[in-house]
Amino acid sequence: MLSIPSFRRHQLPFIALAMAALLSMGTAILKPKSQMSGEDLSLSDLATLNFEVLPIDQSLKEVGVTEKALHALCVRRLNEEHIKISPIPDYATPTLKLLIIAKENKAAAPDAKFVCVYLTLEQRVHVERLDNRRLKLPTWSTLNIQIKQPGNVELGTTTATHAVLDRFFHMIAMATAQSKS
């Protein structure tokens, strides 16, 4: 059995933490650069897009969630990130779509709603299998699902919308940095 002198026992957590930090830093330096998925890389240098909020459930409208409010929230956040919204939507510009679905599941949560906020980016791509035909297809997506009590559905929808937008902006920054390195 290994005996550790008592005056050094209190230093073990610090030593273990320091060793782990050194090893992880060395690993990061020596490890080859990891490649992002094509889905994530498709966000690189995204600066202009079309944007639309798809029609929402009547049950969301009944608790105060509106397409107009969601559109305004998203446009404000996109502007803060210096992403321009195309004044006239066109086929060549990537399209960001926001879809929100709210459903009840009485068996799982009798008084709650499941709120799913889904954000997807559609872009023109070449499909080699179809003789390099150019199609506008979803290239990236993320979602956030929350379970909310009836009085918190509007706030939950807003929180989830912020979460998917935060993920979108983070991935744009990461993809742009990767493509420039």
Foldseek 3Di string as FASTA:
>chain_A
DDDDDPVCPVVVVVVVVVVVVVVVVVCVVPPPDDDDDQLLLVLEPQAEAAEAEPDEDPLCVVLPDDRVVLVVVVCVLCVVLNRHYDPDDDQQGKYKYWYWYWADDCVVPNQKIKIKIKIWIWHWFFDVVVVRDTDTGTSYMDMDIDIGGSNCPNVVNVVRSVVRVVVSSVSRVVSNVVVVD
